[in-house]
Amino acid sequence: MYDGKVRLTKRQIKEDKFATFVLSSRQQVMENWQFLVIGIVVIALIFVAVTYYFNSQEEAAARDADSYARAIMEYRSGNRQVALASLTQLIESTTDKSLLDKSIFALGNINFEIRNYTEALRYWEMYISRFKDNPLYLSAAYGGMAAVYENQAQFGDAATNYTEAVAAFPDGPLEGDYLFGAVRNYLLAGNVDQSKAQLDIIKEKYEKTDLYKRAARYFSENSQL
């Protein structure tokens, strides 16, 4: 018996729900299209910004590397003041740790060569405080500071920095010279025992070399003064 009601099949019910979902989604899209478009634009801008950032970083790194190479070329050509100006500008602008490391160290060296000891110390102290991962450079920075103090007759400070240079790079290529520097400056500072202790290290490690002979002769001639 027909009761006047329309009965839907399961398939029709599913299709009806799907149609309702599509219409509802379409309505939401129509109502929120501005937000969707803005979201897409924001994502696109972020992508562009990230790409630009990395491209800029690469360009800056290449530019800084070129500036460093030019500064070193000027230094090797004898144009120390030009090299100093270029390296000083570079350490203020570069974000490349490796170039910053090398530039600060080079500024210490160049200032030492032109006997600008105050600036040499400043840059080597800066290097030591900021960079610890290159034992050769670290040792050389301590050695450079020791040489400055020795030239200024501050023998106690010189001896301390020579021993720091040895400690920074044990068995390094300049270890023997730094040990001899410590022998010499401890003796000049009046600390005979410390000088003898450094001489004993030289004897233990370099007894058969001319280095030990020179250090032993220096100690013998000056320890009784």
N, C-alpha and C. Protein backbone atom coordinates (compact mmCIF):
# COMPACT_ATOMS: atom_id res chain seq x y z
N MET A 1 0.85 -1.20 0.00
CA MET A 1 0.00 0.00 0.00
C MET A 1 0.89 1.25 0.00
N TYR A 2 0.60 2.17 -0.84
CA TYR A 2 1.42 3.39 -0.97
C TYR A 2 1.03 4.38 0.10
N ASP A 3 1.98 4.82 0.92
CA ASP A 3 1.69 5.72 2.04
C ASP A 3 2.04 7.16 1.73
N GLY A 4 2.47 7.48 0.51
CA GLY A 4 2.75 8.87 0.11
C GLY A 4 4.16 9.32 0.42
N LYS A 5 4.96 8.49 1.08
CA LYS A 5 6.34 8.86 1.41
C LYS A 5 7.29 8.36 0.35
N VAL A 6 8.31 9.17 0.06
CA VAL A 6 9.33 8.79 -0.93
C VAL A 6 10.47 8.10 -0.19
N ARG A 7 10.71 6.86 -0.56
CA ARG A 7 11.78 6.12 0.09
C ARG A 7 13.04 6.17 -0.78
N LEU A 8 14.15 6.51 -0.16
CA LEU A 8 15.42 6.61 -0.88
C LEU A 8 16.24 5.35 -0.66
N THR A 9 16.92 4.96 -1.71
CA THR A 9 17.82 3.82 -1.57
C THR A 9 19.08 4.28 -0.84
N LYS A 10 19.88 3.30 -0.36
CA LYS A 10 21.13 3.63 0.32
C LYS A 10 22.06 4.41 -0.60
N ARG A 11 22.08 4.04 -1.86
CA ARG A 11 22.93 4.73 -2.83
C ARG A 11 22.51 6.18 -2.98
N GLN A 12 21.15 6.39 -3.04
CA GLN A 12 20.65 7.76 -3.17
C GLN A 12 21.00 8.59 -1.94
N ILE A 13 20.91 7.92 -0.77
CA ILE A 13 21.24 8.63 0.47
C ILE A 13 22.70 9.08 0.46
N LYS A 14 23.60 8.16 0.03
CA LYS A 14 25.03 8.50 -0.03
C LYS A 14 25.28 9.63 -1.02
N GLU A 15 24.62 9.53 -2.19
CA GLU A 15 24.80 10.58 -3.20
C GLU A 15 24.29 11.91 -2.69
N ASP A 16 23.19 11.85 -1.94
CA ASP A 16 22.62 13.08 -1.40
C ASP A 16 23.56 13.72 -0.38
N LYS A 17 24.17 12.88 0.48
CA LYS A 17 25.12 13.39 1.47
C LYS A 17 26.34 14.00 0.78
N PHE A 18 26.80 13.34 -0.29
CA PHE A 18 27.95 13.85 -1.02
C PHE A 18 27.64 15.20 -1.66
N ALA A 19 26.41 15.28 -2.23
CA ALA A 19 26.01 16.54 -2.86
C ALA A 19 25.93 17.65 -1.82
N THR A 20 25.39 17.29 -0.65
CA THR A 20 25.30 18.28 0.44
C THR A 20 26.69 18.75 0.85
N PHE A 21 27.64 17.78 0.95
CA PHE A 21 29.02 18.11 1.33
C PHE A 21 29.67 19.03 0.30
N VAL A 22 29.46 18.72 -0.99
CA VAL A 22 30.04 19.53 -2.05
C VAL A 22 29.49 20.94 -2.01
N LEU A 23 28.15 21.04 -1.86
CA LEU A 23 27.53 22.36 -1.81
C LEU A 23 28.01 23.15 -0.60
N SER A 24 28.13 22.43 0.54
CA SER A 24 28.60 23.09 1.77
C SER A 24 30.03 23.57 1.61
N SER A 25 30.89 22.71 1.03
CA SER A 25 32.30 23.07 0.83
C SER A 25 32.42 24.24 -0.12
N ARG A 26 31.60 24.20 -1.17
CA ARG A 26 31.63 25.29 -2.14
C ARG A 26 31.23 26.60 -1.47
N GLN A 27 30.21 26.50 -0.60
CA GLN A 27 29.76 27.69 0.10
C GLN A 27 30.87 28.24 1.00
N GLN A 28 31.60 27.32 1.70
CA GLN A 28 32.69 27.75 2.58
C GLN A 28 33.81 28.40 1.78
N VAL A 29 34.10 27.81 0.62
CA VAL A 29 35.14 28.39 -0.23
C VAL A 29 34.75 29.78 -0.69
N MET A 30 33.49 29.92 -1.09
CA MET A 30 33.01 31.22 -1.55
C MET A 30 33.09 32.26 -0.43
N GLU A 31 32.75 31.81 0.79
CA GLU A 31 32.76 32.74 1.91
C GLU A 31 34.17 33.09 2.38
N ASN A 32 35.12 32.13 2.21
CA ASN A 32 36.47 32.31 2.76
C ASN A 32 37.55 32.41 1.68
N TRP A 33 37.16 32.72 0.46
CA TRP A 33 38.13 32.72 -0.63
C TRP A 33 39.26 33.71 -0.40
N GLN A 34 38.96 34.83 0.25
CA GLN A 34 40.00 35.82 0.49
C GLN A 34 41.10 35.25 1.39
N PHE A 35 40.66 34.53 2.44
CA PHE A 35 41.64 33.95 3.36
C PHE A 35 42.47 32.88 2.68
N LEU A 36 41.84 32.09 1.82
CA LEU A 36 42.57 31.05 1.11
C LEU A 36 43.60 31.64 0.17
N VAL A 37 43.19 32.68 -0.55
CA VAL A 37 44.12 33.34 -1.48
C VAL A 37 45.28 33.96 -0.72
N ILE A 38 44.96 34.62 0.40
CA ILE A 38 46.01 35.24 1.21
C ILE A 38 46.98 34.18 1.71
N GLY A 39 46.45 33.03 2.15
CA GLY A 39 47.31 31.94 2.63
C GLY A 39 48.25 31.46 1.55
N ILE A 40 47.73 31.30 0.34
CA ILE A 40 48.57 30.86 -0.78
C ILE A 40 49.65 31.88 -1.09
N VAL A 41 49.27 33.15 -1.05
CA VAL A 41 50.23 34.23 -1.32
C VAL A 41 51.32 34.25 -0.26
N VAL A 42 50.92 34.09 1.01
CA VAL A 42 51.89 34.09 2.10
C VAL A 42 52.90 32.96 1.93
N ILE A 43 52.41 31.76 1.61
CA ILE A 43 53.31 30.62 1.39
C ILE A 43 54.28 30.91 0.25
N ALA A 44 53.75 31.50 -0.83
CA ALA A 44 54.60 31.83 -1.97
C ALA A 44 55.66 32.85 -1.59
N LEU A 45 55.26 33.85 -0.79
CA LEU A 45 56.21 34.88 -0.37
C LEU A 45 57.29 34.30 0.53
N ILE A 46 56.89 33.38 1.42
CA ILE A 46 57.88 32.74 2.29
C ILE A 46 58.90 31.98 1.46
N PHE A 47 58.41 31.25 0.46
CA PHE A 47 59.32 30.50 -0.41
C PHE A 47 60.29 31.43 -1.13
N VAL A 48 59.75 32.53 -1.66
CA VAL A 48 60.60 33.50 -2.36
C VAL A 48 61.62 34.11 -1.40
N ALA A 49 61.17 34.43 -0.18
CA ALA A 49 62.06 35.05 0.80
C ALA A 49 63.19 34.11 1.19
N VAL A 50 62.86 32.83 1.41
CA VAL A 50 63.89 31.85 1.77
C VAL A 50 64.89 31.68 0.63
N THR A 51 64.37 31.57 -0.59
CA THR A 51 65.25 31.43 -1.75
C THR A 51 66.15 32.64 -1.90
N TYR A 52 65.57 33.83 -1.73
CA TYR A 52 66.36 35.07 -1.83
C TYR A 52 67.42 35.13 -0.75
N TYR A 53 67.05 34.69 0.47
CA TYR A 53 68.00 34.72 1.59
C TYR A 53 69.22 33.87 1.29
N PHE A 54 68.98 32.63 0.84
CA PHE A 54 70.10 31.74 0.58
C PHE A 54 70.93 32.21 -0.62
N ASN A 55 70.27 32.75 -1.63
CA ASN A 55 71.02 33.30 -2.76
C ASN A 55 71.86 34.49 -2.32
N SER A 56 71.28 35.34 -1.46
CA SER A 56 72.01 36.51 -0.96
C SER A 56 73.20 36.08 -0.12
N GLN A 57 72.99 35.02 0.70
CA GLN A 57 74.08 34.52 1.52
C GLN A 57 75.23 34.02 0.65
N GLU A 58 74.89 33.31 -0.42
CA GLU A 58 75.92 32.79 -1.31
C GLU A 58 76.67 33.94 -1.99
N GLU A 59 75.92 34.95 -2.43
CA GLU A 59 76.55 36.10 -3.08
C GLU A 59 77.45 36.85 -2.10
N ALA A 60 76.97 37.02 -0.86
CA ALA A 60 77.75 37.73 0.16
C ALA A 60 79.02 36.95 0.48
N ALA A 61 78.90 35.63 0.58
CA ALA A 61 80.07 34.80 0.89
C ALA A 61 81.12 34.90 -0.21
N ALA A 62 80.65 34.88 -1.47
CA ALA A 62 81.58 35.00 -2.60
C ALA A 62 82.24 36.38 -2.60
N ARG A 63 81.46 37.40 -2.30
CA ARG A 63 82.01 38.77 -2.28
C ARG A 63 83.03 38.93 -1.16
N ASP A 64 82.73 38.36 0.01
CA ASP A 64 83.66 38.45 1.15
C ASP A 64 84.95 37.67 0.87
N ALA A 65 84.81 36.51 0.25
CA ALA A 65 86.00 35.71 -0.08
C ALA A 65 86.89 36.47 -1.05
N ASP A 66 86.27 37.16 -2.00
CA ASP A 66 87.04 37.96 -2.96
C ASP A 66 87.74 39.12 -2.25
N SER A 67 87.04 39.76 -1.30
CA SER A 67 87.63 40.87 -0.55
C SER A 67 88.83 40.40 0.26
N TYR A 68 88.70 39.22 0.88
CA TYR A 68 89.81 38.67 1.67
C TYR A 68 91.01 38.37 0.77
N ALA A 69 90.74 37.75 -0.37
CA ALA A 69 91.84 37.41 -1.30
C ALA A 69 92.56 38.67 -1.78
N ARG A 70 91.79 39.71 -2.07
CA ARG A 70 92.40 40.97 -2.52
C ARG A 70 93.24 41.61 -1.40
N ALA A 71 92.74 41.54 -0.17
CA ALA A 71 93.47 42.11 0.96
C ALA A 71 94.80 41.39 1.16
N ILE A 72 94.78 40.08 1.08
CA ILE A 72 96.02 39.30 1.25
C ILE A 72 96.98 39.58 0.10
N MET A 73 96.45 39.76 -1.10
CA MET A 73 97.29 40.09 -2.25
C MET A 73 97.97 41.45 -2.04
N GLU A 74 97.22 42.41 -1.50
CA GLU A 74 97.79 43.73 -1.21
C GLU A 74 98.89 43.60 -0.15
N TYR A 75 98.64 42.78 0.85
CA TYR A 75 99.64 42.57 1.91
C TYR A 75 100.92 41.97 1.33
N ARG A 76 100.78 40.97 0.50
CA ARG A 76 101.95 40.31 -0.08
C ARG A 76 102.69 41.22 -1.05
N SER A 77 101.98 42.22 -1.57
CA SER A 77 102.62 43.19 -2.47
C SER A 77 103.28 44.33 -1.69
N GLY A 78 103.17 44.27 -0.37
CA GLY A 78 103.79 45.30 0.46
C GLY A 78 102.89 46.46 0.81
N ASN A 79 101.63 46.40 0.36
CA ASN A 79 100.68 47.48 0.64
C ASN A 79 99.93 47.18 1.95
N ARG A 80 100.64 47.27 3.05
CA ARG A 80 100.08 46.83 4.33
C ARG A 80 98.90 47.70 4.79
N GLN A 81 98.98 49.00 4.57
CA GLN A 81 97.90 49.87 5.01
C GLN A 81 96.60 49.59 4.25
N VAL A 82 96.74 49.32 2.96
CA VAL A 82 95.56 48.96 2.16
C VAL A 82 94.97 47.65 2.67
N ALA A 83 95.85 46.70 2.94
CA ALA A 83 95.40 45.40 3.46
C ALA A 83 94.70 45.56 4.81
N LEU A 84 95.27 46.39 5.68
CA LEU A 84 94.67 46.63 6.99
C LEU A 84 93.27 47.22 6.86
N ALA A 85 93.13 48.20 5.97
CA ALA A 85 91.82 48.84 5.78
C ALA A 85 90.79 47.85 5.26
N SER A 86 91.20 47.02 4.31
CA SER A 86 90.28 46.04 3.72
C SER A 86 89.86 44.99 4.73
N LEU A 87 90.83 44.49 5.50
CA LEU A 87 90.53 43.45 6.48
C LEU A 87 89.68 44.00 7.63
N THR A 88 89.95 45.24 8.03
CA THR A 88 89.15 45.86 9.08
C THR A 88 87.70 45.99 8.65
N GLN A 89 87.48 46.39 7.41
CA GLN A 89 86.12 46.50 6.88
C GLN A 89 85.47 45.13 6.79
N LEU A 90 86.25 44.14 6.41
CA LEU A 90 85.71 42.79 6.23
C LEU A 90 85.22 42.19 7.54
N ILE A 91 85.97 42.37 8.62
CA ILE A 91 85.55 41.75 9.89
C ILE A 91 84.30 42.43 10.45
N GLU A 92 84.00 43.63 9.97
CA GLU A 92 82.79 44.32 10.42
C GLU A 92 81.56 43.91 9.62
N SER A 93 81.78 43.30 8.45
CA SER A 93 80.64 43.02 7.57
C SER A 93 80.39 41.53 7.33
N THR A 94 81.42 40.71 7.39
CA THR A 94 81.24 39.31 7.01
C THR A 94 80.52 38.50 8.09
N THR A 95 79.75 37.52 7.63
CA THR A 95 79.12 36.56 8.54
C THR A 95 79.76 35.18 8.39
N ASP A 96 80.80 35.11 7.57
CA ASP A 96 81.50 33.86 7.33
C ASP A 96 82.53 33.65 8.44
N LYS A 97 82.32 32.65 9.28
CA LYS A 97 83.19 32.42 10.44
C LYS A 97 84.64 32.16 10.03
N SER A 98 84.81 31.40 8.96
CA SER A 98 86.16 31.07 8.51
C SER A 98 86.92 32.32 8.07
N LEU A 99 86.26 33.19 7.31
CA LEU A 99 86.91 34.43 6.87
C LEU A 99 87.15 35.37 8.04
N LEU A 100 86.21 35.41 8.97
CA LEU A 100 86.37 36.26 10.16
C LEU A 100 87.58 35.80 10.96
N ASP A 101 87.69 34.50 11.12
CA ASP A 101 88.83 33.87 11.81
C ASP A 101 90.15 34.31 11.18
N LYS A 102 90.27 34.09 9.88
CA LYS A 102 91.53 34.39 9.17
C LYS A 102 91.82 35.89 9.15
N SER A 103 90.78 36.70 9.01
CA SER A 103 90.98 38.16 8.90
C SER A 103 91.48 38.75 10.22
N ILE A 104 90.89 38.31 11.33
CA ILE A 104 91.33 38.81 12.64
C ILE A 104 92.77 38.41 12.91
N PHE A 105 93.10 37.16 12.59
CA PHE A 105 94.47 36.69 12.79
C PHE A 105 95.44 37.50 11.93
N ALA A 106 95.07 37.73 10.67
CA ALA A 106 95.94 38.49 9.76
C ALA A 106 96.13 39.92 10.26
N LEU A 107 95.09 40.52 10.82
CA LEU A 107 95.22 41.88 11.35
C LEU A 107 96.23 41.93 12.50
N GLY A 108 96.25 40.88 13.32
CA GLY A 108 97.26 40.80 14.37
C GLY A 108 98.66 40.74 13.78
N ASN A 109 98.83 39.88 12.78
CA ASN A 109 100.15 39.72 12.16
C ASN A 109 100.65 41.00 11.50
N ILE A 110 99.79 41.63 10.71
CA ILE A 110 100.21 42.82 9.97
C ILE A 110 100.55 43.96 10.92
N ASN A 111 99.72 44.15 11.94
CA ASN A 111 100.02 45.20 12.92
C ASN A 111 101.32 44.93 13.66
N PHE A 112 101.61 43.67 13.91
CA PHE A 112 102.89 43.32 14.55
C PHE A 112 104.06 43.69 13.64
N GLU A 113 103.92 43.39 12.36
CA GLU A 113 105.00 43.67 11.40
C GLU A 113 105.30 45.16 11.30
N ILE A 114 104.28 46.00 11.42
CA ILE A 114 104.52 47.45 11.33
C ILE A 114 104.73 48.06 12.72
N ARG A 115 104.92 47.18 13.71
CA ARG A 115 105.22 47.57 15.10
C ARG A 115 104.09 48.37 15.76
N ASN A 116 102.88 48.12 15.31
CA ASN A 116 101.72 48.70 16.00
C ASN A 116 101.28 47.67 17.04
N TYR A 117 102.03 47.60 18.12
CA TYR A 117 101.87 46.51 19.08
C TYR A 117 100.53 46.54 19.81
N THR A 118 100.01 47.72 20.06
CA THR A 118 98.72 47.81 20.76
C THR A 118 97.62 47.13 19.95
N GLU A 119 97.60 47.43 18.65
CA GLU A 119 96.59 46.82 17.78
C GLU A 119 96.85 45.34 17.55
N ALA A 120 98.12 44.97 17.47
CA ALA A 120 98.45 43.55 17.31
C ALA A 120 97.92 42.75 18.49
N LEU A 121 98.16 43.25 19.70
CA LEU A 121 97.65 42.57 20.89
C LEU A 121 96.13 42.51 20.89
N ARG A 122 95.50 43.60 20.49
CA ARG A 122 94.04 43.66 20.50
C ARG A 122 93.44 42.59 19.59
N TYR A 123 93.99 42.47 18.39
CA TYR A 123 93.43 41.50 17.45
C TYR A 123 93.76 40.07 17.85
N TRP A 124 94.96 39.83 18.37
CA TRP A 124 95.28 38.47 18.81
C TRP A 124 94.46 38.07 20.03
N GLU A 125 94.23 39.01 20.94
CA GLU A 125 93.36 38.72 22.08
C GLU A 125 91.93 38.43 21.61
N MET A 126 91.48 39.19 20.61
CA MET A 126 90.16 38.96 20.03
C MET A 126 90.09 37.56 19.42
N TYR A 127 91.15 37.20 18.71
CA TYR A 127 91.18 35.87 18.08
C TYR A 127 91.11 34.78 19.14
N ILE A 128 91.94 34.90 20.17
CA ILE A 128 92.00 33.87 21.22
C ILE A 128 90.67 33.72 21.94
N SER A 129 89.98 34.84 22.16
CA SER A 129 88.72 34.79 22.90
C SER A 129 87.57 34.21 22.07
N ARG A 130 87.70 34.24 20.74
CA ARG A 130 86.58 33.83 19.90
C ARG A 130 86.77 32.52 19.15
N PHE A 131 88.02 32.14 18.92
CA PHE A 131 88.26 30.96 18.08
C PHE A 131 89.19 29.99 18.81
N LYS A 132 88.72 28.77 18.97
CA LYS A 132 89.49 27.76 19.69
C LYS A 132 89.72 26.49 18.87
N ASP A 133 89.21 26.45 17.65
CA ASP A 133 89.19 25.18 16.91
C ASP A 133 90.36 25.00 15.95
N ASN A 134 91.28 25.97 15.89
CA ASN A 134 92.45 25.82 15.03
C ASN A 134 93.70 25.94 15.90
N PRO A 135 94.27 24.82 16.35
CA PRO A 135 95.39 24.88 17.30
C PRO A 135 96.62 25.60 16.75
N LEU A 136 96.86 25.50 15.44
CA LEU A 136 98.02 26.17 14.86
C LEU A 136 97.88 27.68 14.97
N TYR A 137 96.73 28.22 14.57
CA TYR A 137 96.49 29.66 14.66
C TYR A 137 96.44 30.12 16.11
N LEU A 138 95.80 29.32 16.96
CA LEU A 138 95.68 29.68 18.38
C LEU A 138 97.06 29.77 19.02
N SER A 139 97.89 28.77 18.75
CA SER A 139 99.25 28.76 19.27
C SER A 139 100.04 29.96 18.75
N ALA A 140 99.89 30.24 17.46
CA ALA A 140 100.61 31.36 16.85
C ALA A 140 100.16 32.70 17.43
N ALA A 141 98.87 32.81 17.77
CA ALA A 141 98.38 34.06 18.37
C ALA A 141 99.02 34.28 19.74
N TYR A 142 99.10 33.21 20.54
CA TYR A 142 99.80 33.32 21.83
C TYR A 142 101.28 33.65 21.62
N GLY A 143 101.88 33.00 20.61
CA GLY A 143 103.29 33.27 20.32
C GLY A 143 103.51 34.71 19.88
N GLY A 144 102.58 35.23 19.08
CA GLY A 144 102.68 36.62 18.66
C GLY A 144 102.57 37.58 19.83
N MET A 145 101.63 37.31 20.73
CA MET A 145 101.49 38.15 21.92
C MET A 145 102.75 38.09 22.78
N ALA A 146 103.33 36.90 22.89
CA ALA A 146 104.57 36.75 23.66
C ALA A 146 105.69 37.60 23.06
N ALA A 147 105.77 37.61 21.72
CA ALA A 147 106.81 38.40 21.05
C ALA A 147 106.60 39.89 21.30
N VAL A 148 105.34 40.33 21.31
CA VAL A 148 105.05 41.74 21.61
C VAL A 148 105.54 42.09 23.01
N TYR A 149 105.17 41.26 23.98
CA TYR A 149 105.58 41.54 25.37
C TYR A 149 107.10 41.50 25.52
N GLU A 150 107.75 40.59 24.81
CA GLU A 150 109.21 40.52 24.89
C GLU A 150 109.83 41.78 24.31
N ASN A 151 109.30 42.27 23.19
CA ASN A 151 109.81 43.50 22.60
C ASN A 151 109.59 44.71 23.49
N GLN A 152 108.59 44.63 24.35
CA GLN A 152 108.30 45.73 25.27
C GLN A 152 108.92 45.50 26.65
N ALA A 153 109.80 44.50 26.74
CA ALA A 153 110.52 44.17 27.98
C ALA A 153 109.58 43.77 29.12
N GLN A 154 108.41 43.25 28.76
CA GLN A 154 107.49 42.70 29.77
C GLN A 154 107.71 41.19 29.80
N PHE A 155 108.83 40.80 30.40
CA PHE A 155 109.32 39.43 30.25
C PHE A 155 108.44 38.39 30.94
N GLY A 156 107.85 38.73 32.06
CA GLY A 156 106.97 37.79 32.73
C GLY A 156 105.75 37.44 31.87
N ASP A 157 105.13 38.47 31.29
CA ASP A 157 103.98 38.24 30.40
C ASP A 157 104.41 37.48 29.14
N ALA A 158 105.59 37.80 28.65
CA ALA A 158 106.10 37.10 27.47
C ALA A 158 106.27 35.61 27.76
N ALA A 159 106.89 35.29 28.89
CA ALA A 159 107.11 33.89 29.26
C ALA A 159 105.79 33.13 29.40
N THR A 160 104.82 33.77 30.04
CA THR A 160 103.50 33.14 30.22
C THR A 160 102.85 32.82 28.88
N ASN A 161 102.94 33.76 27.95
CA ASN A 161 102.30 33.54 26.65
C ASN A 161 103.06 32.53 25.79
N TYR A 162 104.38 32.45 25.96
CA TYR A 162 105.11 31.39 25.25
C TYR A 162 104.68 30.01 25.75
N THR A 163 104.48 29.87 27.05
CA THR A 163 104.03 28.57 27.57
C THR A 163 102.59 28.28 27.13
N GLU A 164 101.76 29.32 27.01
CA GLU A 164 100.40 29.14 26.50
C GLU A 164 100.44 28.69 25.04
N ALA A 165 101.38 29.22 24.29
CA ALA A 165 101.53 28.83 22.88
C ALA A 165 101.87 27.35 22.76
N VAL A 166 102.73 26.87 23.66
CA VAL A 166 103.08 25.45 23.67
C VAL A 166 101.86 24.60 24.04
N ALA A 167 101.13 25.04 25.06
CA ALA A 167 99.96 24.29 25.53
C ALA A 167 98.85 24.23 24.48
N ALA A 168 98.73 25.29 23.67
CA ALA A 168 97.67 25.34 22.66
C ALA A 168 97.89 24.33 21.54
N PHE A 169 99.16 24.00 21.27
CA PHE A 169 99.45 23.05 20.19
C PHE A 169 100.68 22.22 20.56
N PRO A 170 100.50 21.25 21.47
CA PRO A 170 101.63 20.39 21.85
C PRO A 170 102.20 19.68 20.63
N ASP A 171 103.52 19.64 20.55
CA ASP A 171 104.22 19.01 19.42
C ASP A 171 103.98 19.74 18.10
N GLY A 172 103.53 20.98 18.19
CA GLY A 172 103.33 21.78 16.98
C GLY A 172 104.65 22.16 16.34
N PRO A 173 104.61 22.69 15.12
CA PRO A 173 105.84 22.98 14.37
C PRO A 173 106.73 24.04 15.01
N LEU A 174 106.16 24.89 15.87
CA LEU A 174 106.95 25.95 16.51
C LEU A 174 107.12 25.71 18.01
N GLU A 175 106.82 24.51 18.46
CA GLU A 175 106.90 24.22 19.89
C GLU A 175 108.29 24.51 20.46
N GLY A 176 109.33 24.06 19.76
CA GLY A 176 110.69 24.27 20.25
C GLY A 176 111.04 25.74 20.40
N ASP A 177 110.64 26.55 19.42
CA ASP A 177 110.92 27.99 19.49
C ASP A 177 110.18 28.64 20.66
N TYR A 178 108.94 28.21 20.88
CA TYR A 178 108.17 28.77 21.99
C TYR A 178 108.77 28.36 23.34
N LEU A 179 109.24 27.12 23.43
CA LEU A 179 109.89 26.68 24.66
C LEU A 179 111.16 27.48 24.93
N PHE A 180 111.93 27.72 23.88
CA PHE A 180 113.14 28.53 24.03
C PHE A 180 112.76 29.95 24.45
N GLY A 181 111.68 30.47 23.88
CA GLY A 181 111.20 31.80 24.29
C GLY A 181 110.84 31.83 25.76
N ALA A 182 110.23 30.75 26.24
CA ALA A 182 109.88 30.68 27.66
C ALA A 182 111.13 30.62 28.53
N VAL A 183 112.14 29.83 28.12
CA VAL A 183 113.41 29.77 28.84
C VAL A 183 114.02 31.17 28.95
N ARG A 184 114.08 31.84 27.84
CA ARG A 184 114.71 33.15 27.76
C ARG A 184 113.98 34.18 28.62
N ASN A 185 112.67 34.22 28.53
CA ASN A 185 111.92 35.27 29.21
C ASN A 185 111.71 35.00 30.70
N TYR A 186 111.58 33.74 31.08
CA TYR A 186 111.55 33.46 32.52
C TYR A 186 112.86 33.88 33.16
N LEU A 187 113.95 33.65 32.45
CA LEU A 187 115.26 34.03 32.97
C LEU A 187 115.38 35.55 33.07
N LEU A 188 114.93 36.25 32.03
CA LEU A 188 114.98 37.71 32.04
C LEU A 188 114.06 38.30 33.11
N ALA A 189 113.00 37.57 33.43
CA ALA A 189 112.08 38.03 34.47
C ALA A 189 112.59 37.68 35.87
N GLY A 190 113.72 36.97 35.93
CA GLY A 190 114.31 36.61 37.22
C GLY A 190 113.78 35.32 37.81
N ASN A 191 113.03 34.56 37.02
CA ASN A 191 112.47 33.30 37.51
C ASN A 191 113.32 32.14 36.98
N VAL A 192 114.43 31.89 37.66
CA VAL A 192 115.39 30.89 37.20
C VAL A 192 114.80 29.48 37.22
N ASP A 193 114.03 29.16 38.25
CA ASP A 193 113.46 27.81 38.36
C ASP A 193 112.52 27.49 37.20
N GLN A 194 111.66 28.44 36.86
CA GLN A 194 110.74 28.21 35.74
C GLN A 194 111.51 28.11 34.42
N SER A 195 112.55 28.91 34.29
CA SER A 195 113.37 28.86 33.09
C SER A 195 114.02 27.48 32.96
N LYS A 196 114.55 26.98 34.07
CA LYS A 196 115.19 25.66 34.06
C LYS A 196 114.17 24.56 33.75
N ALA A 197 112.95 24.71 34.23
CA ALA A 197 111.91 23.72 33.96
C ALA A 197 111.60 23.65 32.46
N GLN A 198 111.58 24.80 31.80
CA GLN A 198 111.33 24.82 30.36
C GLN A 198 112.53 24.23 29.60
N LEU A 199 113.73 24.51 30.10
CA LEU A 199 114.93 23.94 29.47
C LEU A 199 114.92 22.42 29.58
N ASP A 200 114.46 21.91 30.70
CA ASP A 200 114.39 20.45 30.88
C ASP A 200 113.43 19.81 29.87
N ILE A 201 112.35 20.52 29.56
CA ILE A 201 111.40 20.00 28.56
C ILE A 201 112.07 19.96 27.19
N ILE A 202 112.84 21.01 26.88
CA ILE A 202 113.56 21.04 25.60
C ILE A 202 114.55 19.88 25.53
N LYS A 203 115.25 19.65 26.63
CA LYS A 203 116.23 18.56 26.65
C LYS A 203 115.55 17.22 26.42
N GLU A 204 114.41 17.03 27.06
CA GLU A 204 113.68 15.77 26.93
C GLU A 204 113.22 15.52 25.50
N LYS A 205 112.81 16.57 24.82
CA LYS A 205 112.21 16.39 23.50
C LYS A 205 113.15 16.69 22.34
N TYR A 206 114.17 17.53 22.58
CA TYR A 206 115.02 17.99 21.47
C TYR A 206 116.51 17.92 21.80
N GLU A 207 116.90 16.97 22.64
CA GLU A 207 118.28 16.95 23.14
C GLU A 207 119.32 16.86 22.03
N LYS A 208 119.04 16.16 20.97
CA LYS A 208 120.02 15.96 19.91
C LYS A 208 120.03 17.10 18.88
N THR A 209 119.29 18.13 19.13
CA THR A 209 119.16 19.19 18.13
C THR A 209 119.96 20.43 18.52
N ASP A 210 120.14 21.29 17.52
CA ASP A 210 120.83 22.56 17.75
C ASP A 210 120.00 23.46 18.67
N LEU A 211 118.67 23.29 18.63
CA LEU A 211 117.80 24.08 19.50
C LEU A 211 118.17 23.90 20.96
N TYR A 212 118.34 22.66 21.38
CA TYR A 212 118.69 22.41 22.78
C TYR A 212 120.06 22.99 23.11
N LYS A 213 121.01 22.85 22.21
CA LYS A 213 122.35 23.39 22.46
C LYS A 213 122.31 24.90 22.66
N ARG A 214 121.53 25.59 21.83
CA ARG A 214 121.43 27.05 21.96
C ARG A 214 120.72 27.45 23.25
N ALA A 215 119.65 26.72 23.58
CA ALA A 215 118.90 27.03 24.80
C ALA A 215 119.75 26.77 26.04
N ALA A 216 120.49 25.65 26.04
CA ALA A 216 121.33 25.31 27.19
C ALA A 216 122.45 26.32 27.35
N ARG A 217 123.03 26.74 26.23
CA ARG A 217 124.11 27.73 26.29
C ARG A 217 123.58 29.07 26.81
N TYR A 218 122.40 29.46 26.33
CA TYR A 218 121.80 30.72 26.79
C TYR A 218 121.54 30.67 28.29
N PHE A 219 120.99 29.56 28.75
CA PHE A 219 120.68 29.44 30.18
C PHE A 219 121.97 29.47 31.01
N SER A 220 122.98 28.75 30.54
CA SER A 220 124.24 28.69 31.27
C SER A 220 124.90 30.06 31.37
N GLU A 221 124.85 30.82 30.28
CA GLU A 221 125.51 32.12 30.25
C GLU A 221 124.77 33.20 31.02
N ASN A 222 123.45 33.02 31.19
CA ASN A 222 122.66 34.10 31.79
C ASN A 222 122.04 33.78 33.15
N SER A 223 122.04 32.53 33.54
CA SER A 223 121.39 32.18 34.81
C SER A 223 122.19 32.63 36.02
N GLN A 224 123.47 32.93 35.85
CA GLN A 224 124.30 33.36 36.97
C GLN A 224 124.42 34.87 37.08
N LEU A 225 123.79 35.59 36.15
CA LEU A 225 123.92 37.05 36.15
C LEU A 225 123.12 37.69 37.28
